[in-house]
Amino acid sequence: MELEKDRIIVASDVQRDGIGIEVYRNNELITEIFRSDSKKTRTIRTFKENVSLELMEESITKFKKEIPWEYISH
């Protein structure tokens, strides 16, 4: 199976105790938006020096649509 060059992947992370999205352009990871349930934070991490405002806004909108806003308590 070949992945699309431009894609958003929803992924959970057990080690960091949360869930988030990864945004890829031309098969390159550009940014990650992550909800940490243990820290009760939402963060953005970029893997490129410059990320366009349009891509960041699109990514935030997708994050809000795909990831539940409420933190999960364990």
N, C-alpha and C. Protein backbone atom coordinates (compact mmCIF):
# COMPACT_ATOMS: atom_id res chain seq x y z
N MET A 1 0.83 -1.18 0.00
CA MET A 1 0.00 0.00 0.00
C MET A 1 0.89 1.25 0.00
N GLU A 2 0.65 2.12 -0.94
CA GLU A 2 1.42 3.36 -1.03
C GLU A 2 0.63 4.49 -0.37
N LEU A 3 1.32 5.28 0.47
CA LEU A 3 0.67 6.38 1.16
C LEU A 3 0.61 7.61 0.26
N GLU A 4 -0.43 8.43 0.48
CA GLU A 4 -0.52 9.70 -0.24
C GLU A 4 0.63 10.60 0.19
N LYS A 5 1.13 11.41 -0.75
CA LYS A 5 2.24 12.31 -0.42
C LYS A 5 1.82 13.36 0.60
N ASP A 6 0.59 13.89 0.48
CA ASP A 6 0.06 14.87 1.42
C ASP A 6 -1.04 14.18 2.21
N ARG A 7 -0.84 14.11 3.53
CA ARG A 7 -1.79 13.38 4.35
C ARG A 7 -1.73 13.84 5.81
N ILE A 8 -2.79 13.53 6.52
CA ILE A 8 -2.85 13.76 7.96
C ILE A 8 -3.14 12.41 8.60
N ILE A 9 -2.32 12.04 9.57
CA ILE A 9 -2.48 10.76 10.25
C ILE A 9 -2.84 11.02 11.71
N VAL A 10 -3.91 10.38 12.16
CA VAL A 10 -4.29 10.43 13.57
C VAL A 10 -3.57 9.28 14.26
N ALA A 11 -2.86 9.59 15.35
CA ALA A 11 -2.09 8.55 16.03
C ALA A 11 -2.11 8.76 17.54
N SER A 12 -2.27 7.65 18.27
CA SER A 12 -2.15 7.73 19.72
C SER A 12 -0.71 7.38 20.10
N ASP A 13 -0.31 7.84 21.26
CA ASP A 13 1.04 7.58 21.75
C ASP A 13 0.94 7.17 23.22
N VAL A 14 1.15 5.89 23.49
CA VAL A 14 1.02 5.36 24.83
C VAL A 14 2.11 5.92 25.74
N GLN A 15 3.33 6.04 25.24
CA GLN A 15 4.44 6.54 26.08
C GLN A 15 4.21 7.98 26.52
N ARG A 16 3.66 8.80 25.65
CA ARG A 16 3.40 10.20 26.01
C ARG A 16 2.00 10.40 26.55
N ASP A 17 1.20 9.32 26.62
CA ASP A 17 -0.15 9.34 27.17
C ASP A 17 -1.04 10.38 26.48
N GLY A 18 -1.23 10.19 25.18
CA GLY A 18 -2.09 11.13 24.48
C GLY A 18 -2.36 10.70 23.05
N ILE A 19 -2.90 11.64 22.29
CA ILE A 19 -3.27 11.41 20.90
C ILE A 19 -3.05 12.69 20.11
N GLY A 20 -2.81 12.55 18.83
CA GLY A 20 -2.59 13.74 18.03
C GLY A 20 -2.67 13.45 16.56
N ILE A 21 -2.29 14.45 15.77
CA ILE A 21 -2.23 14.29 14.32
C ILE A 21 -0.82 14.63 13.84
N GLU A 22 -0.41 13.95 12.79
CA GLU A 22 0.84 14.26 12.10
C GLU A 22 0.47 14.74 10.71
N VAL A 23 1.08 15.83 10.27
CA VAL A 23 0.78 16.42 8.97
C VAL A 23 2.00 16.23 8.06
N TYR A 24 1.76 15.59 6.93
CA TYR A 24 2.82 15.31 5.95
C TYR A 24 2.55 16.06 4.65
N ARG A 25 3.60 16.59 4.05
CA ARG A 25 3.55 17.19 2.73
C ARG A 25 4.70 16.60 1.94
N ASN A 26 4.41 16.09 0.75
CA ASN A 26 5.43 15.42 -0.08
C ASN A 26 6.18 14.35 0.71
N ASN A 27 5.43 13.56 1.47
CA ASN A 27 5.96 12.47 2.30
C ASN A 27 6.91 12.93 3.41
N GLU A 28 6.90 14.20 3.73
CA GLU A 28 7.77 14.73 4.78
C GLU A 28 6.92 15.21 5.95
N LEU A 29 7.28 14.78 7.17
CA LEU A 29 6.56 15.22 8.36
C LEU A 29 6.83 16.70 8.58
N ILE A 30 5.75 17.49 8.58
CA ILE A 30 5.87 18.94 8.71
C ILE A 30 5.57 19.40 10.13
N THR A 31 4.47 18.89 10.70
CA THR A 31 4.07 19.33 12.03
C THR A 31 3.27 18.24 12.73
N GLU A 32 3.24 18.34 14.05
CA GLU A 32 2.46 17.44 14.88
C GLU A 32 1.68 18.30 15.87
N ILE A 33 0.39 17.98 16.05
CA ILE A 33 -0.40 18.62 17.09
C ILE A 33 -0.81 17.49 18.03
N PHE A 34 -0.56 17.67 19.33
CA PHE A 34 -0.69 16.56 20.27
C PHE A 34 -1.45 16.99 21.52
N ARG A 35 -2.36 16.12 21.96
CA ARG A 35 -3.07 16.31 23.23
C ARG A 35 -2.50 15.33 24.24
N SER A 36 -1.88 15.84 25.30
CA SER A 36 -1.33 14.99 26.36
C SER A 36 -2.36 14.90 27.48
N ASP A 37 -2.83 13.68 27.74
CA ASP A 37 -3.83 13.50 28.79
C ASP A 37 -3.21 13.59 30.18
N SER A 38 -1.99 13.14 30.35
CA SER A 38 -1.36 13.20 31.67
C SER A 38 -0.95 14.64 32.03
N LYS A 39 -0.48 15.41 31.06
CA LYS A 39 -0.06 16.80 31.32
C LYS A 39 -1.21 17.80 31.16
N LYS A 40 -2.30 17.34 30.54
CA LYS A 40 -3.46 18.20 30.25
C LYS A 40 -3.03 19.42 29.43
N THR A 41 -2.32 19.13 28.33
CA THR A 41 -1.86 20.18 27.43
C THR A 41 -2.15 19.78 25.98
N ARG A 42 -2.17 20.78 25.13
CA ARG A 42 -2.23 20.59 23.68
C ARG A 42 -1.07 21.40 23.11
N THR A 43 -0.23 20.74 22.30
CA THR A 43 0.97 21.40 21.80
C THR A 43 1.12 21.20 20.30
N ILE A 44 1.85 22.12 19.70
CA ILE A 44 2.21 22.03 18.29
C ILE A 44 3.73 21.93 18.21
N ARG A 45 4.19 20.95 17.44
CA ARG A 45 5.64 20.81 17.21
C ARG A 45 5.85 20.85 15.70
N THR A 46 6.78 21.67 15.26
CA THR A 46 7.07 21.75 13.83
C THR A 46 8.41 21.09 13.55
N PHE A 47 8.50 20.49 12.38
CA PHE A 47 9.72 19.80 11.96
C PHE A 47 10.39 20.53 10.80
N LYS A 48 9.80 21.64 10.39
CA LYS A 48 10.36 22.52 9.36
C LYS A 48 10.55 23.88 9.99
N GLU A 49 11.52 24.62 9.51
CA GLU A 49 11.77 25.94 10.08
C GLU A 49 10.61 26.90 9.81
N ASN A 50 10.04 26.83 8.62
CA ASN A 50 8.94 27.71 8.27
C ASN A 50 7.74 26.89 7.84
N VAL A 51 6.60 27.14 8.48
CA VAL A 51 5.35 26.49 8.13
C VAL A 51 4.36 27.60 7.82
N SER A 52 3.69 27.49 6.68
CA SER A 52 2.77 28.56 6.27
C SER A 52 1.60 28.67 7.24
N LEU A 53 1.09 29.86 7.38
CA LEU A 53 -0.07 30.11 8.23
C LEU A 53 -1.26 29.29 7.74
N GLU A 54 -1.42 29.18 6.44
CA GLU A 54 -2.54 28.42 5.88
C GLU A 54 -2.47 26.94 6.29
N LEU A 55 -1.29 26.36 6.21
CA LEU A 55 -1.13 24.96 6.60
C LEU A 55 -1.36 24.79 8.10
N MET A 56 -0.88 25.73 8.90
CA MET A 56 -1.06 25.63 10.35
C MET A 56 -2.54 25.76 10.70
N GLU A 57 -3.25 26.69 10.07
CA GLU A 57 -4.68 26.85 10.33
C GLU A 57 -5.46 25.60 9.91
N GLU A 58 -5.11 25.04 8.75
CA GLU A 58 -5.74 23.82 8.26
C GLU A 58 -5.48 22.66 9.23
N SER A 59 -4.28 22.58 9.75
CA SER A 59 -3.91 21.52 10.68
C SER A 59 -4.67 21.65 11.99
N ILE A 60 -4.78 22.85 12.51
CA ILE A 60 -5.51 23.08 13.77
C ILE A 60 -6.98 22.73 13.59
N THR A 61 -7.56 23.12 12.47
CA THR A 61 -8.96 22.79 12.19
C THR A 61 -9.16 21.28 12.14
N LYS A 62 -8.25 20.58 11.48
CA LYS A 62 -8.34 19.13 11.39
C LYS A 62 -8.17 18.49 12.77
N PHE A 63 -7.25 19.00 13.57
CA PHE A 63 -7.05 18.49 14.93
C PHE A 63 -8.33 18.62 15.73
N LYS A 64 -8.95 19.79 15.68
CA LYS A 64 -10.18 20.02 16.45
C LYS A 64 -11.32 19.12 15.98
N LYS A 65 -11.32 18.78 14.70
CA LYS A 65 -12.36 17.92 14.15
C LYS A 65 -12.13 16.44 14.51
N GLU A 66 -10.88 15.99 14.49
CA GLU A 66 -10.55 14.58 14.65
C GLU A 66 -10.27 14.13 16.08
N ILE A 67 -9.78 15.04 16.91
CA ILE A 67 -9.33 14.67 18.26
C ILE A 67 -10.32 15.23 19.30
N PRO A 68 -10.86 14.36 20.15
CA PRO A 68 -11.76 14.86 21.21
C PRO A 68 -11.07 15.92 22.06
N TRP A 69 -11.78 16.97 22.42
CA TRP A 69 -11.21 18.07 23.17
C TRP A 69 -10.96 17.71 24.63
N GLU A 70 -11.80 16.84 25.18
CA GLU A 70 -11.70 16.49 26.59
C GLU A 70 -10.51 15.57 26.82
N TYR A 71 -9.84 15.80 27.95
CA TYR A 71 -8.74 14.93 28.34
C TYR A 71 -9.32 13.63 28.92
N ILE A 72 -8.57 12.56 28.81
CA ILE A 72 -8.97 11.28 29.37
C ILE A 72 -8.24 11.10 30.69
N SER A 73 -8.99 10.80 31.75
CA SER A 73 -8.40 10.54 33.06
C SER A 73 -8.22 9.05 33.25
N HIS A 74 -7.11 8.67 33.86
CA HIS A 74 -6.83 7.25 34.10
C HIS A 74 -6.90 6.94 35.58
